Amino acid sequence: MTTLLVLGGSGRTGVHVLRQAVERGHRVRALVRKPGAFEAPEGVELIVGTPADIDDLRRAAEGADAVVSALNNSRASDNPWSKPVSPPHFMTDATRSVLTVMAENGIRRIAVASTLGAGDSWRTLNPLFKALIKSSGIRHGYNDHHGVDAVVRASDMEWVLARSVALTDAPPSGPLRVARAGSEKPGLRVSRTEVARFLLDALEDDTWLRESPLIWNERLPRA
């Protein structure tokens, strides 16, 4: 049994990480600001705090074996032009702090939820989508994802950056596909449940160790 620290566990992807981690038999601990704001799966230990505070991270990481980060730089809504809610470098600063705490505690492995277009995968984006990002509120999240990418890659941890296409709350449309960015034309969407599964898989095997694979759900042909 492994003890996992989950960051962003109250989010739309993070709750799937919590549930699936418990189902796999892990001890699961989540650092959350408002425990009463969501229904955590039975068996999850909730630590009150924020990943923006390194001392809260230190409390939450004590005794942990690995970390999953499903953090997000939030906007007021999913509308591309909605205003940001999180500080500009929330994910980057939190990731830098958690890597520090991991080193202090001898924790080696971390799986991070990223996005297509972060880091060196920016070059693979459609020019029109790049223009949308630069002109809308989406740019704040992308700037933060770029920062996370740089911080994680500069570390000596055993990391995986899972780059998702557009996230959906719907069930998977087909099998999960994983590939290096630019090597295949990806599908348009990936189910959050599948992102959670991939993040947890990344803690258990070395297939994508120190890589940033792109993940999406294939579409099944219509009968």
C-alpha atoms as a PDB file:
ATOM      1  CA  MET A   1       0.000   0.000   0.000  1.00  0.00           C
ATOM      2  CA  THR A   2       1.314   3.439  -1.010  1.00  0.00           C
ATOM      3  CA  THR A   3       0.495   6.742   0.676  1.00  0.00           C
ATOM      4  CA  LEU A   4      -0.361   9.349  -1.942  1.00  0.00           C
ATOM      5  CA  LEU A   5      -0.547  13.101  -1.509  1.00  0.00           C
ATOM      6  CA  VAL A   6      -3.042  14.580  -3.975  1.00  0.00           C
ATOM      7  CA  LEU A   7      -3.029  18.294  -4.778  1.00  0.00           C
ATOM      8  CA  GLY A   8      -6.101  19.744  -6.436  1.00  0.00           C
ATOM      9  CA  GLY A   9      -8.206  16.889  -5.084  1.00  0.00           C
ATOM     10  CA  SER A  10     -11.350  19.000  -4.822  1.00  0.00           C
ATOM     11  CA  GLY A  11     -11.248  19.875  -8.532  1.00  0.00           C
ATOM     12  CA  ARG A  12     -13.110  18.190 -11.373  1.00  0.00           C
ATOM     13  CA  THR A  13     -10.172  15.970 -12.266  1.00  0.00           C
ATOM     14  CA  GLY A  14      -8.808  15.657  -8.753  1.00  0.00           C
ATOM     15  CA  VAL A  15     -11.946  14.037  -7.341  1.00  0.00           C
ATOM     16  CA  HIS A  16     -11.499  11.213  -9.860  1.00  0.00           C
ATOM     17  CA  VAL A  17      -7.893  10.829  -8.733  1.00  0.00           C
ATOM     18  CA  LEU A  18      -9.043  10.509  -5.133  1.00  0.00           C
ATOM     19  CA  ARG A  19     -11.728   7.948  -5.907  1.00  0.00           C
ATOM     20  CA  GLN A  20      -9.592   5.802  -8.165  1.00  0.00           C
ATOM     21  CA  ALA A  21      -6.617   5.914  -5.794  1.00  0.00           C
ATOM     22  CA  VAL A  22      -8.786   4.616  -2.948  1.00  0.00           C
ATOM     23  CA  GLU A  23     -10.166   1.899  -5.235  1.00  0.00           C
ATOM     24  CA  ARG A  24      -6.597   0.816  -5.998  1.00  0.00           C
ATOM     25  CA  GLY A  25      -5.927   0.352  -2.312  1.00  0.00           C
ATOM     26  CA  HIS A  26      -3.728   3.379  -1.691  1.00  0.00           C
ATOM     27  CA  ARG A  27      -3.774   5.480   1.427  1.00  0.00           C
ATOM     28  CA  VAL A  28      -4.903   8.846   0.095  1.00  0.00           C
ATOM     29  CA  ARG A  29      -4.327  12.272   1.549  1.00  0.00           C
ATOM     30  CA  ALA A  30      -5.616  15.490  -0.016  1.00  0.00           C
ATOM     31  CA  LEU A  31      -4.562  19.042   0.822  1.00  0.00           C
ATOM     32  CA  VAL A  32      -7.673  21.204   0.410  1.00  0.00           C
ATOM     33  CA  ARG A  33      -8.630  24.723   1.452  1.00  0.00           C
ATOM     34  CA  LYS A  34     -12.320  24.028   2.059  1.00  0.00           C
ATOM     35  CA  PRO A  35     -13.033  20.392   3.018  1.00  0.00           C
ATOM     36  CA  GLY A  36     -16.760  21.079   3.290  1.00  0.00           C
ATOM     37  CA  ALA A  37     -16.995  22.372  -0.268  1.00  0.00           C
ATOM     38  CA  PHE A  38     -16.931  18.920  -1.865  1.00  0.00           C
ATOM     39  CA  GLU A  39     -17.725  15.318  -1.025  1.00  0.00           C
ATOM     40  CA  ALA A  40     -14.490  13.389  -0.668  1.00  0.00           C
ATOM     41  CA  PRO A  41     -14.558   9.636  -1.262  1.00  0.00           C
ATOM     42  CA  GLU A  42     -14.654   7.514   1.857  1.00  0.00           C
ATOM     43  CA  GLY A  43     -11.183   6.772   3.147  1.00  0.00           C
ATOM     44  CA  VAL A  44      -9.534   9.991   1.973  1.00  0.00           C
ATOM     45  CA  GLU A  45      -7.696  11.927   4.667  1.00  0.00           C
ATOM     46  CA  LEU A  46      -8.309  15.650   4.240  1.00  0.00           C
ATOM     47  CA  ILE A  47      -5.603  18.081   5.342  1.00  0.00           C
ATOM     48  CA  VAL A  48      -6.812  21.659   5.633  1.00  0.00           C
ATOM     49  CA  GLY A  49      -4.452  24.045   3.897  1.00  0.00           C
ATOM     50  CA  THR A  50      -3.273  25.362   0.569  1.00  0.00           C
ATOM     51  CA  PRO A  51      -0.447  24.330  -1.768  1.00  0.00           C
ATOM     52  CA  ALA A  52       0.411  28.027  -1.897  1.00  0.00           C
ATOM     53  CA  ASP A  53       1.814  27.630   1.659  1.00  0.00           C
ATOM     54  CA  ILE A  54       4.951  25.494   1.870  1.00  0.00           C
ATOM     55  CA  ASP A  55       4.342  24.744   5.553  1.00  0.00           C
ATOM     56  CA  ASP A  56       0.906  23.313   4.700  1.00  0.00           C
ATOM     57  CA  LEU A  57       2.611  21.178   2.070  1.00  0.00           C
ATOM     58  CA  ARG A  58       5.124  19.983   4.643  1.00  0.00           C
ATOM     59  CA  ARG A  59       2.331  18.846   6.963  1.00  0.00           C
ATOM     60  CA  ALA A  60       0.480  17.111   4.153  1.00  0.00           C
ATOM     61  CA  ALA A  61       3.568  15.381   2.720  1.00  0.00           C
ATOM     62  CA  GLU A  62       4.708  13.770   5.952  1.00  0.00           C
ATOM     63  CA  GLY A  63       4.830  10.013   5.386  1.00  0.00           C
ATOM     64  CA  ALA A  64       3.790  10.236   1.717  1.00  0.00           C
ATOM     65  CA  ASP A  65       5.404   8.017  -0.926  1.00  0.00           C
ATOM     66  CA  ALA A  66       4.342   9.881  -4.085  1.00  0.00           C
ATOM     67  CA  VAL A  67       2.475  12.986  -5.247  1.00  0.00           C
ATOM     68  CA  VAL A  68      -0.233  13.594  -7.817  1.00  0.00           C
ATOM     69  CA  SER A  69      -0.850  17.193  -8.825  1.00  0.00           C
ATOM     70  CA  ALA A  70      -4.193  17.972 -10.450  1.00  0.00           C
ATOM     71  CA  LEU A  71      -3.900  21.686  -9.745  1.00  0.00           C
ATOM     72  CA  ASN A  72      -5.477  24.209 -12.061  1.00  0.00           C
ATOM     73  CA  ASN A  73      -5.212  27.941 -12.592  1.00  0.00           C
ATOM     74  CA  SER A  74      -8.902  28.718 -12.290  1.00  0.00           C
ATOM     75  CA  ARG A  75     -11.060  31.237 -14.121  1.00  0.00           C
ATOM     76  CA  ALA A  76     -14.498  32.479 -13.095  1.00  0.00           C
ATOM     77  CA  SER A  77     -16.076  30.129 -15.659  1.00  0.00           C
ATOM     78  CA  ASP A  78     -15.172  27.957 -18.637  1.00  0.00           C
ATOM     79  CA  ASN A  79     -15.788  30.916 -20.940  1.00  0.00           C
ATOM     80  CA  PRO A  80     -12.439  31.706 -22.625  1.00  0.00           C
ATOM     81  CA  TRP A  81     -12.810  35.408 -21.792  1.00  0.00           C
ATOM     82  CA  SER A  82     -13.714  34.935 -18.131  1.00  0.00           C
ATOM     83  CA  LYS A  83     -11.420  36.519 -15.576  1.00  0.00           C
ATOM     84  CA  PRO A  84      -8.779  34.501 -13.721  1.00  0.00           C
ATOM     85  CA  VAL A  85      -9.477  33.572 -10.108  1.00  0.00           C
ATOM     86  CA  SER A  86      -6.111  32.086  -9.149  1.00  0.00           C
ATOM     87  CA  PRO A  87      -2.927  34.152  -8.753  1.00  0.00           C
ATOM     88  CA  PRO A  88      -0.944  34.323 -12.020  1.00  0.00           C
ATOM     89  CA  HIS A  89       1.754  31.852 -10.941  1.00  0.00           C
ATOM     90  CA  PHE A  90      -0.298  29.715  -8.559  1.00  0.00           C
ATOM     91  CA  MET A  91       0.532  26.335 -10.107  1.00  0.00           C
ATOM     92  CA  THR A  92       4.176  27.205 -10.784  1.00  0.00           C
ATOM     93  CA  ASP A  93       4.824  28.431  -7.242  1.00  0.00           C
ATOM     94  CA  ALA A  94       2.955  25.490  -5.695  1.00  0.00           C
ATOM     95  CA  THR A  95       4.849  23.001  -7.855  1.00  0.00           C
ATOM     96  CA  ARG A  96       8.190  24.559  -6.961  1.00  0.00           C
ATOM     97  CA  SER A  97       7.273  24.289  -3.279  1.00  0.00           C
ATOM     98  CA  VAL A  98       6.067  20.700  -3.509  1.00  0.00           C
ATOM     99  CA  LEU A  99       9.292  19.676  -5.246  1.00  0.00           C
ATOM    100  CA  THR A 100      11.211  21.265  -2.380  1.00  0.00           C
ATOM    101  CA  VAL A 101       9.099  19.391   0.172  1.00  0.00           C
ATOM    102  CA  MET A 102       9.503  16.141  -1.751  1.00  0.00           C
ATOM    103  CA  ALA A 103      13.281  16.517  -1.581  1.00  0.00           C
ATOM    104  CA  GLU A 104      13.083  17.191   2.142  1.00  0.00           C
ATOM    105  CA  ASN A 105      11.045  14.020   2.693  1.00  0.00           C
ATOM    106  CA  GLY A 106      12.795  11.687   0.272  1.00  0.00           C
ATOM    107  CA  ILE A 107       9.727  11.476  -2.011  1.00  0.00           C
ATOM    108  CA  ARG A 108      10.830  10.759  -5.558  1.00  0.00           C
ATOM    109  CA  ARG A 109       7.810  10.391  -7.842  1.00  0.00           C
ATOM    110  CA  ILE A 110       5.255  12.946  -8.996  1.00  0.00           C
ATOM    111  CA  ALA A 111       2.603  12.838 -11.727  1.00  0.00           C
ATOM    112  CA  VAL A 112       1.373  16.226 -12.925  1.00  0.00           C
ATOM    113  CA  ALA A 113      -1.740  17.115 -14.922  1.00  0.00           C
ATOM    114  CA  SER A 114      -0.608  19.361 -17.771  1.00  0.00           C
ATOM    115  CA  THR A 115      -2.117  20.405 -21.095  1.00  0.00           C
ATOM    116  CA  LEU A 116      -1.403  20.235 -24.809  1.00  0.00           C
ATOM    117  CA  GLY A 117       0.496  23.404 -25.665  1.00  0.00           C
ATOM    118  CA  ALA A 118       2.504  23.596 -22.459  1.00  0.00           C
ATOM    119  CA  GLY A 119       6.265  23.830 -22.761  1.00  0.00           C
ATOM    120  CA  ASP A 120       7.746  22.557 -26.004  1.00  0.00           C
ATOM    121  CA  SER A 121       4.371  21.246 -27.192  1.00  0.00           C
ATOM    122  CA  TRP A 122       3.321  24.858 -27.895  1.00  0.00           C
ATOM    123  CA  ARG A 123       4.765  24.474 -31.383  1.00  0.00           C
ATOM    124  CA  THR A 124       2.231  21.744 -32.194  1.00  0.00           C
ATOM    125  CA  LEU A 125      -0.831  23.947 -31.669  1.00  0.00           C
ATOM    126  CA  ASN A 126      -2.961  25.239 -34.502  1.00  0.00           C
ATOM    127  CA  PRO A 127      -2.145  28.936 -35.216  1.00  0.00           C
ATOM    128  CA  LEU A 128      -5.806  29.891 -34.747  1.00  0.00           C
ATOM    129  CA  PHE A 129      -5.882  28.246 -31.330  1.00  0.00           C
ATOM    130  CA  LYS A 130      -2.662  30.015 -30.397  1.00  0.00           C
ATOM    131  CA  ALA A 131      -4.304  33.316 -31.340  1.00  0.00           C
ATOM    132  CA  LEU A 132      -7.342  32.478 -29.181  1.00  0.00           C
ATOM    133  CA  ILE A 133      -5.113  31.677 -26.214  1.00  0.00           C
ATOM    134  CA  LYS A 134      -3.117  34.886 -26.540  1.00  0.00           C
ATOM    135  CA  SER A 135      -6.216  37.077 -26.845  1.00  0.00           C
ATOM    136  CA  SER A 136      -8.357  35.501 -24.117  1.00  0.00           C
ATOM    137  CA  GLY A 137      -8.268  34.595 -20.448  1.00  0.00           C
ATOM    138  CA  ILE A 138      -6.945  31.165 -21.356  1.00  0.00           C
ATOM    139  CA  ARG A 139      -3.474  32.709 -21.612  1.00  0.00           C
ATOM    140  CA  HIS A 140      -3.220  32.994 -17.818  1.00  0.00           C
ATOM    141  CA  GLY A 141      -3.541  29.243 -17.371  1.00  0.00           C
ATOM    142  CA  TYR A 142      -1.163  28.547 -20.230  1.00  0.00           C
ATOM    143  CA  ASN A 143       1.478  30.884 -18.834  1.00  0.00           C
ATOM    144  CA  ASP A 144       1.217  29.024 -15.542  1.00  0.00           C
ATOM    145  CA  HIS A 145       1.421  25.620 -17.258  1.00  0.00           C
ATOM    146  CA  HIS A 146       4.584  26.779 -19.046  1.00  0.00           C
ATOM    147  CA  GLY A 147       6.033  27.646 -15.648  1.00  0.00           C
ATOM    148  CA  VAL A 148       5.116  24.258 -14.175  1.00  0.00           C
ATOM    149  CA  ASP A 149       6.677  22.527 -17.169  1.00  0.00           C
ATOM    150  CA  ALA A 150       9.971  24.379 -16.672  1.00  0.00           C
ATOM    151  CA  VAL A 151      10.096  23.807 -12.909  1.00  0.00           C
ATOM    152  CA  VAL A 152       9.353  20.095 -13.147  1.00  0.00           C
ATOM    153  CA  ARG A 153      11.861  19.502 -15.955  1.00  0.00           C
ATOM    154  CA  ALA A 154      14.583  21.282 -13.990  1.00  0.00           C
ATOM    155  CA  SER A 155      14.109  18.926 -11.030  1.00  0.00           C
ATOM    156  CA  ASP A 156      15.804  15.570 -10.515  1.00  0.00           C
ATOM    157  CA  MET A 157      12.561  13.897  -9.462  1.00  0.00           C
ATOM    158  CA  GLU A 158      10.891  10.950 -11.202  1.00  0.00           C
ATOM    159  CA  TRP A 159       8.207  12.966 -12.966  1.00  0.00           C
ATOM    160  CA  VAL A 160       5.558  12.552 -15.628  1.00  0.00           C
ATOM    161  CA  LEU A 161       3.728  15.521 -17.189  1.00  0.00           C
ATOM    162  CA  ALA A 162       0.413  14.281 -18.612  1.00  0.00           C
ATOM    163  CA  ARG A 163      -0.625  16.665 -21.379  1.00  0.00           C
ATOM    164  CA  SER A 164      -4.358  16.499 -21.967  1.00  0.00           C
ATOM    165  CA  VAL A 165      -6.387  17.712 -24.904  1.00  0.00           C
ATOM    166  CA  ALA A 166      -9.734  19.368 -24.065  1.00  0.00           C
ATOM    167  CA  LEU A 167     -11.103  17.911 -20.834  1.00  0.00           C
ATOM    168  CA  THR A 168     -14.637  16.585 -20.558  1.00  0.00           C
ATOM    169  CA  ASP A 169     -16.732  15.379 -17.642  1.00  0.00           C
ATOM    170  CA  ALA A 170     -18.434  12.849 -19.939  1.00  0.00           C
ATOM    171  CA  PRO A 171     -17.528   9.144 -19.906  1.00  0.00           C
ATOM    172  CA  PRO A 172     -14.698   8.112 -22.256  1.00  0.00           C
ATOM    173  CA  SER A 173     -15.678   8.064 -25.938  1.00  0.00           C
ATOM    174  CA  GLY A 174     -13.231   5.241 -26.588  1.00  0.00           C
ATOM    175  CA  PRO A 175      -9.868   3.828 -25.506  1.00  0.00           C
ATOM    176  CA  LEU A 176      -7.208   6.104 -24.061  1.00  0.00           C
ATOM    177  CA  ARG A 177      -4.467   6.940 -26.538  1.00  0.00           C
ATOM    178  CA  VAL A 178      -1.012   8.041 -25.389  1.00  0.00           C
ATOM    179  CA  ALA A 179       1.726   9.445 -27.640  1.00  0.00           C
ATOM    180  CA  ARG A 180       4.523  11.959 -27.749  1.00  0.00           C
ATOM    181  CA  ALA A 181       3.344  15.410 -28.763  1.00  0.00           C
ATOM    182  CA  GLY A 182       3.690  15.915 -32.492  1.00  0.00           C
ATOM    183  CA  SER A 183       4.017  12.213 -33.327  1.00  0.00           C
ATOM    184  CA  GLU A 184       0.302  11.678 -33.981  1.00  0.00           C
ATOM    185  CA  LYS A 185      -2.734  13.802 -34.634  1.00  0.00           C
ATOM    186  CA  PRO A 186      -4.673  13.653 -31.355  1.00  0.00           C
ATOM    187  CA  GLY A 187      -8.379  13.447 -30.772  1.00  0.00           C
ATOM    188  CA  LEU A 188     -10.248  16.465 -29.503  1.00  0.00           C
ATOM    189  CA  ARG A 189     -11.204  15.374 -25.989  1.00  0.00           C
ATOM    190  CA  VAL A 190     -10.224  13.260 -23.038  1.00  0.00           C
ATOM    191  CA  SER A 191     -12.415  12.231 -20.124  1.00  0.00           C
ATOM    192  CA  ARG A 192     -11.300  13.447 -16.724  1.00  0.00           C
ATOM    193  CA  THR A 193     -11.720   9.896 -15.417  1.00  0.00           C
ATOM    194  CA  GLU A 194      -9.117   8.742 -17.930  1.00  0.00           C
ATOM    195  CA  VAL A 195      -6.728  11.554 -17.015  1.00  0.00           C
ATOM    196  CA  ALA A 196      -6.968  10.441 -13.395  1.00  0.00           C
ATOM    197  CA  ARG A 197      -6.295   6.841 -14.369  1.00  0.00           C
ATOM    198  CA  PHE A 198      -3.240   7.809 -16.404  1.00  0.00           C
ATOM    199  CA  LEU A 199      -1.819   9.940 -13.577  1.00  0.00           C
ATOM    200  CA  LEU A 200      -2.105   7.028 -11.167  1.00  0.00           C
ATOM    201  CA  ASP A 201      -0.672   4.585 -13.699  1.00  0.00           C
ATOM    202  CA  ALA A 202       2.316   6.908 -14.072  1.00  0.00           C
ATOM    203  CA  LEU A 203       3.155   6.383 -10.415  1.00  0.00           C
ATOM    204  CA  GLU A 204       3.216   2.620 -10.803  1.00  0.00           C
ATOM    205  CA  ASP A 205       5.315   2.081 -13.935  1.00  0.00           C
ATOM    206  CA  ASP A 206       8.220   3.725 -15.751  1.00  0.00           C
ATOM    207  CA  THR A 207       6.799   3.789 -19.290  1.00  0.00           C
ATOM    208  CA  TRP A 208       6.626   7.589 -19.484  1.00  0.00           C
ATOM    209  CA  LEU A 209       9.154   8.467 -16.803  1.00  0.00           C
ATOM    210  CA  ARG A 210      10.541  11.986 -17.293  1.00  0.00           C
ATOM    211  CA  GLU A 211       8.401  12.486 -20.379  1.00  0.00           C
ATOM    212  CA  SER A 212       5.371  14.607 -21.238  1.00  0.00           C
ATOM    213  CA  PRO A 213       3.008  12.386 -23.245  1.00  0.00           C
ATOM    214  CA  LEU A 214      -0.144  13.654 -24.879  1.00  0.00           C
ATOM    215  CA  ILE A 215      -3.331  11.805 -23.882  1.00  0.00           C
ATOM    216  CA  TRP A 216      -6.752  11.664 -25.537  1.00  0.00           C
ATOM    217  CA  ASN A 217      -9.709   9.341 -25.986  1.00  0.00           C
ATOM    218  CA  GLU A 218     -10.165   7.751 -29.382  1.00  0.00           C
ATOM    219  CA  ARG A 219     -13.662   7.841 -30.845  1.00  0.00           C
ATOM    220  CA  LEU A 220     -15.299   4.518 -31.455  1.00  0.00           C
ATOM    221  CA  PRO A 221     -16.803   4.094 -34.930  1.00  0.00           C
ATOM    222  CA  ARG A 222     -20.552   4.398 -35.061  1.00  0.00           C
ATOM    223  CA  ALA A 223     -22.393   1.109 -35.389  1.00  0.00           C
END
